[in-house]
Amino acid sequence: MSETITDTSATSRKRRAIPWLSLTVVMCLAAVAAYYWWETRIPRTLRIAGGPEGGRYLQIAQGLARELRSRHGVLAEVVPTEGSLQNLELLAQGRVDVCLYQPETHVILRQASGQAETIAGDESVRFISNLYTEAMIPIVSADDDGHLLQHEGSLRIGANAKRSGDMAMAILLRRHLGREQDESSVLTVVPYSQVRETLKSDDVDIVVITAGLQAPVIRETLLSRECRLADVPLLEAMLARNPSLRPVTIPAGYFHTAPGPIPALEFHTVGLPAQLLTATDVPTRLVEMLTEVAMDPQFQRGQNLSELFSQGAEFADGESEFPQHPGAEHVFRPELKPLLNPDFVEGTEGIRSFVVSMLAAIWLCSRWWRRRRILGEEHRLDRFIRRLLEIERRQLDIDGQNSGDEQCLQQFL
């Protein structure tokens, strides 16, 4: 009988424990799902660092903002800037989420100013994709012969802004022409809107614009017929001394065909790929969406990204001075995409060991508690059995013939 009572009580305890266990599991799963959603959610706003008015960066940034808004409902704000270096600084400081950048700009400009090559926070910068090639476009006034090596006297070079890729390429051009140590050779800031007026008034000898060939400032300046392209002398030497540069050929008549094609002959220069950058803390899913927009043929046609359209991932997934963001890797190499979102994995990295330790502690405590209860129940059963044996022994000692025997038995019970 005692065994039956024990089994019944154990079964009832198990039945009571099952609902609580199920409820605990459901609550844990709900908490994990909520945390996963929180870590992988897409922000509703995004800040993109573009560039100056008239440049290609601003056009691309505005195009990306429109696509994110129409396709995914993300409100993207485009921040006008001076150019590449300011874009990179804003991104490293966490003041923007995405920016466009010309490679090597921060190295060239900071070397020229005697500063450290690294920028505080640039270890958090990540590469997304190449978008198009930025060509170095040296422009002189229409009545200038354009022979830069034969230029006598001081050489005054103008560029858009001190923190722009234009200024970085102007420094490289001055170095290539052997004017770096020439104190009479100066670099002057010439905004895009003042290029024609500055050249016409002879305030500078040459203006260096580094942008995509679709940039409005290049077309407007050359189509005015007040300015012309200046040939880059000894181009192969410039390419050999600067491995990050690549040759760029502009076909005759690219900017204008008739009457009077611009350029009149095939023009050779150098360039760099314009890159789309982001930060490590930008959600992976958002970077995936940005990369998908950039790789969409419809977007490429709308923005005249001919290299990206014709070469695809081979051009986009090129080399960069920054590591690639996991979100971009998932688009270019989908076979490497993990089952869980990397943001969730990284966000839970600090608490995984704590959770495992807590689960182990709970299991050990529950095991100890079960053993304690079992031992306690065994002790009680032993006491009952000893009491029952004592009653049986006393009963045998009493013969039951006297009238007081019944009262003694009642006392034992």
Protein backbone atom coordinates (compact mmCIF):
# COMPACT_ATOMS: atom_id res chain seq x y z
CA MET A 1 0.00 0.00 0.00
CA SER A 2 2.84 2.34 0.89
CA GLU A 3 4.41 1.84 -2.56
CA THR A 4 1.07 2.69 -4.22
CA ILE A 5 0.80 5.90 -2.21
CA THR A 6 4.34 6.90 -3.11
CA ASP A 7 3.83 6.26 -6.86
CA THR A 8 0.57 8.21 -6.84
CA SER A 9 2.15 11.24 -5.18
CA ALA A 10 5.13 11.18 -7.58
CA THR A 11 2.79 11.02 -10.58
CA SER A 12 0.76 13.97 -9.31
CA ARG A 13 3.93 16.01 -8.81
CA LYS A 14 5.03 15.25 -12.39
CA ARG A 15 1.63 16.32 -13.71
CA ARG A 16 1.89 19.59 -11.80
CA ALA A 17 5.46 20.16 -13.07
CA ILE A 18 4.63 19.65 -16.77
CA PRO A 19 2.48 22.83 -17.21
CA TRP A 20 5.08 24.96 -15.44
CA LEU A 21 7.87 23.54 -17.59
CA SER A 22 5.89 24.16 -20.76
CA LEU A 23 5.08 27.71 -19.69
CA THR A 24 8.75 28.38 -18.94
CA VAL A 25 9.83 27.08 -22.35
CA VAL A 26 7.19 29.18 -24.14
CA MET A 27 8.23 32.30 -22.24
CA CYS A 28 11.90 31.70 -23.05
CA LEU A 29 11.13 31.22 -26.74
CA ALA A 30 9.04 34.40 -26.77
CA ALA A 31 11.86 36.33 -25.11
CA VAL A 32 14.40 35.01 -27.62
CA ALA A 33 12.10 35.89 -30.54
CA ALA A 34 11.55 39.41 -29.20
CA TYR A 35 15.26 39.92 -28.69
CA TYR A 36 16.01 38.59 -32.20
CA TRP A 37 13.52 41.04 -33.68
CA TRP A 38 15.02 43.91 -31.69
CA GLU A 39 18.60 43.12 -32.74
CA THR A 40 17.76 42.62 -36.44
CA ARG A 41 15.14 45.34 -36.91
CA ILE A 42 15.56 47.81 -39.76
CA PRO A 43 15.83 51.46 -38.67
CA ARG A 44 13.24 53.77 -40.16
CA THR A 45 15.75 56.58 -40.80
CA LEU A 46 19.16 56.69 -42.48
CA ARG A 47 21.70 59.45 -43.06
CA ILE A 48 23.77 59.40 -46.26
CA ALA A 49 26.76 61.70 -46.74
CA GLY A 50 26.72 62.90 -50.34
CA GLY A 51 28.91 65.66 -51.73
CA PRO A 52 28.87 69.19 -53.15
CA GLU A 53 26.23 70.55 -55.49
CA GLY A 54 27.11 69.74 -59.08
CA GLY A 55 29.06 66.61 -58.19
CA ARG A 56 28.30 62.96 -58.81
CA TYR A 57 28.22 61.95 -55.14
CA LEU A 58 25.14 64.04 -54.48
CA GLN A 59 23.31 62.52 -57.45
CA ILE A 60 24.05 58.94 -56.35
CA ALA A 61 23.18 59.64 -52.70
CA GLN A 62 19.84 61.14 -53.70
CA GLY A 63 19.15 58.17 -55.98
CA LEU A 64 19.86 55.69 -53.17
CA ALA A 65 17.63 57.68 -50.81
CA ARG A 66 14.72 57.59 -53.28
CA GLU A 67 15.07 53.83 -53.82
CA LEU A 68 15.21 53.04 -50.09
CA ARG A 69 12.15 55.19 -49.49
CA SER A 70 10.09 53.71 -52.32
CA ARG A 71 11.11 50.05 -51.89
CA HIS A 72 11.47 49.67 -48.13
CA GLY A 73 9.93 52.75 -46.52
CA VAL A 74 13.26 53.86 -45.03
CA LEU A 75 13.47 57.64 -44.70
CA ALA A 76 16.96 58.48 -45.95
CA GLU A 77 18.38 61.96 -45.41
CA VAL A 78 21.14 63.14 -47.76
CA VAL A 79 23.77 65.34 -46.09
CA PRO A 80 25.65 67.72 -48.47
CA THR A 81 29.40 67.78 -47.76
CA GLU A 82 32.69 69.06 -49.17
CA GLY A 83 33.63 65.60 -50.43
CA SER A 84 35.39 62.34 -49.63
CA LEU A 85 37.44 63.20 -46.55
CA GLN A 86 34.57 64.94 -44.79
CA ASN A 87 32.32 61.99 -45.69
CA LEU A 88 34.77 59.55 -44.10
CA GLU A 89 35.14 61.71 -40.99
CA LEU A 90 31.37 61.95 -40.53
CA LEU A 91 31.04 58.18 -40.92
CA ALA A 92 33.86 57.45 -38.45
CA GLN A 93 32.26 59.83 -35.93
CA GLY A 94 28.89 58.09 -36.26
CA ARG A 95 27.14 61.19 -37.59
CA VAL A 96 26.08 59.45 -40.82
CA ASP A 97 25.35 55.81 -41.60
CA VAL A 98 26.48 55.61 -45.24
CA CYS A 99 28.79 57.69 -47.39
CA LEU A 100 30.48 57.83 -50.79
CA TYR A 101 34.26 57.91 -50.81
CA GLN A 102 37.24 58.18 -53.15
CA PRO A 103 39.96 55.65 -52.16
CA GLU A 104 43.24 56.93 -50.64
CA THR A 105 41.83 60.43 -50.13
CA HIS A 106 42.41 60.53 -46.37
CA VAL A 107 45.95 59.17 -46.76
CA ILE A 108 46.94 61.73 -49.43
CA LEU A 109 45.38 64.75 -47.72
CA ARG A 110 46.62 63.93 -44.23
CA GLN A 111 50.13 63.21 -45.50
CA ALA A 112 50.16 66.55 -47.31
CA SER A 113 49.12 68.37 -44.13
CA GLY A 114 51.60 66.48 -41.94
CA GLN A 115 48.90 64.66 -39.96
CA ALA A 116 48.62 61.00 -39.04
CA GLU A 117 47.21 58.92 -41.88
CA THR A 118 44.54 57.28 -39.72
CA ILE A 119 41.30 58.91 -38.63
CA ALA A 120 39.87 58.36 -35.17
CA GLY A 121 37.15 55.75 -35.50
CA ASP A 122 38.09 54.56 -38.99
CA GLU A 123 38.41 50.99 -37.67
CA SER A 124 34.61 50.91 -37.64
CA VAL A 125 34.34 51.79 -41.37
CA ARG A 126 33.21 49.01 -43.69
CA PHE A 127 33.13 48.66 -47.47
CA ILE A 128 29.91 47.92 -49.38
CA SER A 129 30.52 48.27 -53.11
CA ASN A 130 32.30 50.07 -55.93
CA LEU A 131 29.83 52.18 -57.91
CA TYR A 132 31.65 53.83 -60.81
CA THR A 133 35.06 55.19 -61.81
CA GLU A 134 35.93 58.75 -60.87
CA ALA A 135 38.15 60.27 -63.56
CA MET A 136 40.66 63.04 -62.99
CA ILE A 137 39.59 65.87 -65.32
CA PRO A 138 42.18 68.68 -65.63
CA ILE A 139 40.50 71.76 -67.10
CA VAL A 140 42.14 74.93 -68.40
CA SER A 141 40.76 78.01 -70.11
CA ALA A 142 39.97 77.70 -73.82
CA ASP A 143 42.88 79.92 -74.87
CA ASP A 144 45.44 77.90 -72.87
CA ASP A 145 47.65 75.49 -74.82
CA GLY A 146 47.25 72.86 -72.05
CA HIS A 147 50.93 71.82 -71.97
CA LEU A 148 51.37 71.44 -68.21
CA LEU A 149 55.03 70.38 -68.25
CA GLN A 150 55.99 73.42 -70.34
CA HIS A 151 54.12 75.85 -68.12
CA GLU A 152 56.49 78.61 -67.08
CA GLY A 153 56.47 80.33 -63.72
CA SER A 154 54.14 79.42 -60.88
CA LEU A 155 51.47 76.79 -61.40
CA ARG A 156 48.23 77.60 -59.63
CA ILE A 157 46.02 74.55 -59.27
CA GLY A 158 42.40 74.81 -58.16
CA ALA A 159 40.24 72.10 -56.60
CA ASN A 160 36.78 71.99 -55.09
CA ALA A 161 37.46 71.87 -51.32
CA LYS A 162 40.22 71.07 -48.86
CA ARG A 163 38.52 67.86 -47.69
CA SER A 164 37.57 66.54 -51.11
CA GLY A 165 38.85 63.91 -53.50
CA ASP A 166 39.43 66.72 -56.00
CA MET A 167 42.07 68.22 -53.71
CA ALA A 168 43.70 64.81 -53.20
CA MET A 169 44.05 64.31 -56.97
CA ALA A 170 45.31 67.88 -57.37
CA ILE A 171 48.09 67.03 -54.89
CA LEU A 172 48.96 63.90 -56.89
CA LEU A 173 49.01 65.88 -60.15
CA ARG A 174 51.27 68.56 -58.66
CA ARG A 175 53.59 65.83 -57.38
CA HIS A 176 53.56 64.15 -60.81
CA LEU A 177 54.50 67.43 -62.52
CA GLY A 178 57.46 67.86 -60.18
CA ARG A 179 56.00 70.95 -58.51
CA GLU A 180 55.58 69.56 -54.99
CA GLN A 181 58.65 71.39 -53.63
CA ASP A 182 58.01 74.48 -55.74
CA GLU A 183 56.83 77.22 -53.38
CA SER A 184 55.38 79.15 -56.29
CA SER A 185 53.06 76.25 -57.08
CA VAL A 186 49.96 76.69 -54.93
CA LEU A 187 46.71 74.82 -54.36
CA THR A 188 43.58 76.95 -54.31
CA VAL A 189 40.01 76.13 -53.36
CA VAL A 190 37.68 76.67 -56.31
CA PRO A 191 34.04 75.62 -55.75
CA TYR A 192 32.31 73.83 -58.61
CA SER A 193 30.04 76.80 -59.21
CA GLN A 194 33.03 79.12 -59.81
CA VAL A 195 35.21 76.98 -62.11
CA ARG A 196 34.51 78.88 -65.34
CA GLU A 197 34.71 82.33 -63.75
CA THR A 198 37.96 81.52 -61.95
CA LEU A 199 39.67 80.21 -65.09
CA LYS A 200 38.34 83.05 -67.20
CA SER A 201 39.64 85.66 -64.76
CA ASP A 202 43.05 83.91 -64.70
CA ASP A 203 42.98 83.42 -60.92
CA VAL A 204 44.22 79.85 -61.42
CA ASP A 205 45.99 78.08 -64.26
CA ILE A 206 44.21 74.73 -64.02
CA VAL A 207 41.25 73.26 -62.14
CA VAL A 208 41.23 69.57 -61.22
CA ILE A 209 37.84 67.88 -61.02
CA THR A 210 37.69 64.24 -59.98
CA ALA A 211 34.22 62.85 -60.51
CA GLY A 212 32.12 60.51 -62.55
CA LEU A 213 31.85 61.53 -66.17
CA GLN A 214 28.13 62.14 -65.68
CA ALA A 215 28.79 64.89 -63.09
CA PRO A 216 26.90 68.07 -64.07
CA VAL A 217 29.89 70.32 -63.32
CA ILE A 218 32.06 68.59 -65.96
CA ARG A 219 29.45 68.77 -68.72
CA GLU A 220 28.41 72.34 -67.96
CA THR A 221 32.02 73.56 -67.82
CA LEU A 222 33.10 71.90 -71.08
CA LEU A 223 29.91 72.63 -73.01
CA SER A 224 30.34 76.34 -72.28
CA ARG A 225 33.30 76.27 -74.74
CA GLU A 226 35.10 78.64 -72.36
CA CYS A 227 37.21 75.78 -70.99
CA ARG A 228 38.93 72.70 -72.38
CA LEU A 229 40.60 69.51 -71.23
CA ALA A 230 44.33 69.54 -70.50
CA ASP A 231 46.33 66.45 -71.40
CA VAL A 232 48.10 64.65 -68.55
CA PRO A 233 51.76 64.25 -69.59
CA LEU A 234 53.64 61.00 -69.01
CA LEU A 235 50.50 59.22 -67.88
CA GLU A 236 52.16 55.80 -67.63
CA ALA A 237 54.66 57.15 -65.11
CA MET A 238 51.85 58.51 -62.96
CA LEU A 239 50.12 55.13 -63.00
CA ALA A 240 53.34 53.31 -62.13
CA ARG A 241 54.01 55.56 -59.12
CA ASN A 242 50.45 55.29 -57.81
CA PRO A 243 49.24 51.66 -57.83
CA SER A 244 45.76 52.63 -56.63
CA LEU A 245 45.12 54.58 -59.86
CA ARG A 246 43.71 53.00 -63.00
CA PRO A 247 43.79 54.23 -66.61
CA VAL A 248 40.64 55.90 -67.93
CA THR A 249 39.87 56.55 -71.59
CA ILE A 250 37.19 59.06 -72.61
CA PRO A 251 36.02 58.54 -76.21
CA ALA A 252 36.00 61.45 -78.60
CA GLY A 253 32.63 63.19 -78.57
CA TYR A 254 31.62 61.69 -75.20
CA PHE A 255 30.37 64.98 -73.76
CA HIS A 256 29.15 66.45 -77.06
CA THR A 257 29.09 65.16 -80.63
CA ALA A 258 28.17 67.93 -83.07
CA PRO A 259 28.90 70.58 -83.94
CA GLY A 260 32.43 70.35 -82.57
CA PRO A 261 32.83 67.10 -80.61
CA ILE A 262 33.99 67.31 -76.99
CA PRO A 263 36.60 66.03 -76.55
CA ALA A 264 37.79 66.36 -80.13
CA LEU A 265 40.12 63.37 -79.72
CA GLU A 266 40.22 60.37 -77.43
CA PHE A 267 41.28 61.61 -73.99
CA HIS A 268 43.44 59.58 -71.60
CA THR A 269 43.56 60.19 -67.86
CA VAL A 270 43.57 58.32 -64.54
CA GLY A 271 40.83 57.46 -62.09
CA LEU A 272 39.69 55.65 -58.97
CA PRO A 273 36.53 53.70 -58.14
CA ALA A 274 33.93 55.61 -56.15
CA GLN A 275 33.06 53.46 -53.15
CA LEU A 276 29.99 53.10 -50.98
CA LEU A 277 30.95 52.80 -47.30
CA THR A 278 29.09 52.16 -44.06
CA ALA A 279 29.85 51.45 -40.39
CA THR A 280 30.04 48.23 -38.41
CA ASP A 281 26.99 49.07 -36.28
CA VAL A 282 24.68 49.58 -39.28
CA PRO A 283 22.25 46.60 -39.31
CA THR A 284 23.19 43.77 -41.66
CA ARG A 285 19.74 43.66 -43.25
CA LEU A 286 19.90 47.37 -44.08
CA VAL A 287 23.29 46.95 -45.77
CA GLU A 288 21.88 43.99 -47.70
CA MET A 289 19.07 46.24 -48.96
CA LEU A 290 21.55 48.96 -49.96
CA THR A 291 23.70 46.46 -51.84
CA GLU A 292 20.66 44.99 -53.59
CA VAL A 293 19.63 48.48 -54.70
CA ALA A 294 23.12 49.20 -56.04
CA MET A 295 23.16 45.88 -57.92
CA ASP A 296 19.70 46.38 -59.42
CA PRO A 297 20.03 46.92 -63.21
CA GLN A 298 17.14 49.38 -63.15
CA PHE A 299 18.94 51.57 -60.62
CA GLN A 300 22.21 51.26 -62.56
CA ARG A 301 20.54 52.39 -65.79
CA GLY A 302 18.80 55.27 -64.04
CA GLN A 303 22.07 56.51 -62.56
CA ASN A 304 24.19 55.79 -65.68
CA LEU A 305 26.45 53.38 -63.81
CA SER A 306 27.71 51.77 -67.00
CA GLU A 307 30.64 49.83 -65.47
CA LEU A 308 28.48 48.40 -62.71
CA PHE A 309 25.80 47.51 -65.27
CA SER A 310 28.17 45.76 -67.68
CA GLN A 311 30.56 44.08 -65.22
CA GLY A 312 28.23 43.46 -62.28
CA ALA A 313 29.67 41.92 -59.12
CA GLU A 314 33.15 41.68 -60.66
CA PHE A 315 33.40 45.48 -60.62
CA ALA A 316 31.36 46.07 -57.46
CA ASP A 317 33.13 43.55 -55.25
CA GLY A 318 36.60 44.97 -55.82
CA GLU A 319 39.47 45.69 -53.48
CA SER A 320 39.14 48.31 -50.76
CA GLU A 321 41.25 49.74 -47.97
CA PHE A 322 38.42 48.81 -45.57
CA PRO A 323 36.99 45.37 -44.69
CA GLN A 324 33.70 44.45 -46.30
CA HIS A 325 30.48 44.61 -44.30
CA PRO A 326 28.77 41.22 -43.72
CA GLY A 327 25.59 42.54 -45.33
CA ALA A 328 27.42 43.18 -48.62
CA GLU A 329 29.13 39.78 -48.41
CA HIS A 330 25.72 38.10 -48.15
CA VAL A 331 24.70 39.64 -51.50
CA PHE A 332 27.95 39.00 -53.36
CA ARG A 333 28.56 35.56 -51.80
CA PRO A 334 25.17 34.20 -50.69
CA GLU A 335 26.63 30.74 -50.00
CA LEU A 336 28.44 32.25 -46.98
CA LYS A 337 25.29 33.73 -45.46
CA PRO A 338 24.73 32.20 -41.99
CA LEU A 339 21.42 30.87 -40.72
CA LEU A 340 21.21 33.47 -37.95
CA ASN A 341 21.54 37.19 -38.53
CA PRO A 342 25.11 38.27 -37.60
CA ASP A 343 23.73 41.26 -35.67
CA PHE A 344 21.83 38.87 -33.41
CA VAL A 345 24.86 36.60 -32.97
CA GLU A 346 27.09 39.56 -32.13
CA GLY A 347 24.51 41.12 -29.85
CA THR A 348 24.12 37.93 -27.83
CA GLU A 349 27.83 37.14 -27.67
CA GLY A 350 28.21 38.68 -24.24
CA ILE A 351 25.24 36.93 -22.66
CA ARG A 352 25.55 33.47 -24.20
CA SER A 353 28.05 32.25 -21.62
CA PHE A 354 25.91 33.75 -18.85
CA VAL A 355 22.79 32.00 -20.14
CA VAL A 356 24.61 28.67 -20.42
CA SER A 357 25.95 29.05 -16.88
CA MET A 358 22.49 29.91 -15.57
CA LEU A 359 20.93 26.90 -17.29
CA ALA A 360 23.61 24.63 -15.83
CA ALA A 361 23.06 26.11 -12.38
CA ILE A 362 19.29 25.69 -12.66
CA TRP A 363 19.70 22.06 -13.74
CA LEU A 364 22.05 21.30 -10.84
CA CYS A 365 19.77 23.05 -8.34
CA SER A 366 16.70 21.20 -9.61
CA ARG A 367 18.57 17.91 -9.43
CA TRP A 368 19.67 18.64 -5.85
CA TRP A 369 16.14 19.66 -4.87
CA ARG A 370 14.61 16.49 -6.33
CA ARG A 371 17.09 14.29 -4.49
CA ARG A 372 16.44 16.19 -1.26
CA ARG A 373 12.69 15.71 -1.58
CA ILE A 374 13.13 12.01 -2.38
CA LEU A 375 15.37 11.51 0.63
CA GLY A 376 12.94 13.44 2.81
CA GLU A 377 10.02 11.29 1.66
CA GLU A 378 12.07 8.14 2.28
CA HIS A 379 12.77 9.24 5.87
CA ARG A 380 9.08 9.86 6.52
CA LEU A 381 8.18 6.45 5.10
CA ASP A 382 10.79 4.82 7.31
CA ARG A 383 9.27 6.50 10.37
CA PHE A 384 5.78 5.32 9.45
CA ILE A 385 7.01 1.75 8.92
CA ARG A 386 8.85 1.73 12.27
CA ARG A 387 5.76 3.08 14.00
CA LEU A 388 3.60 0.41 12.36
CA LEU A 389 6.01 -2.35 13.41
CA GLU A 390 6.00 -0.98 16.95
CA ILE A 391 2.21 -1.11 17.03
CA GLU A 392 2.20 -4.67 15.73
CA ARG A 393 4.78 -5.71 18.33
CA ARG A 394 2.79 -4.10 21.13
CA GLN A 395 -0.33 -5.72 19.85
CA LEU A 396 1.32 -9.13 20.12
CA ASP A 397 2.35 -8.36 23.69
CA ILE A 398 -1.24 -7.65 24.65
CA ASP A 399 -3.38 -10.70 24.92
CA GLY A 400 -6.62 -8.74 24.41
CA GLN A 401 -8.43 -10.50 27.26
CA ASN A 402 -8.35 -7.64 29.74
CA SER A 403 -10.60 -4.64 29.39
CA GLY A 404 -7.61 -2.27 29.43
CA ASP A 405 -6.08 -3.88 26.37
CA GLU A 406 -8.40 -2.04 24.03
CA GLN A 407 -7.51 1.30 25.55
CA CYS A 408 -3.77 0.56 25.19
CA LEU A 409 -4.21 -0.28 21.52
CA GLN A 410 -6.05 3.00 20.98
CA GLN A 411 -3.11 4.87 22.51
CA PHE A 412 -0.66 3.16 20.12
CA LEU A 413 -2.74 4.29 17.15
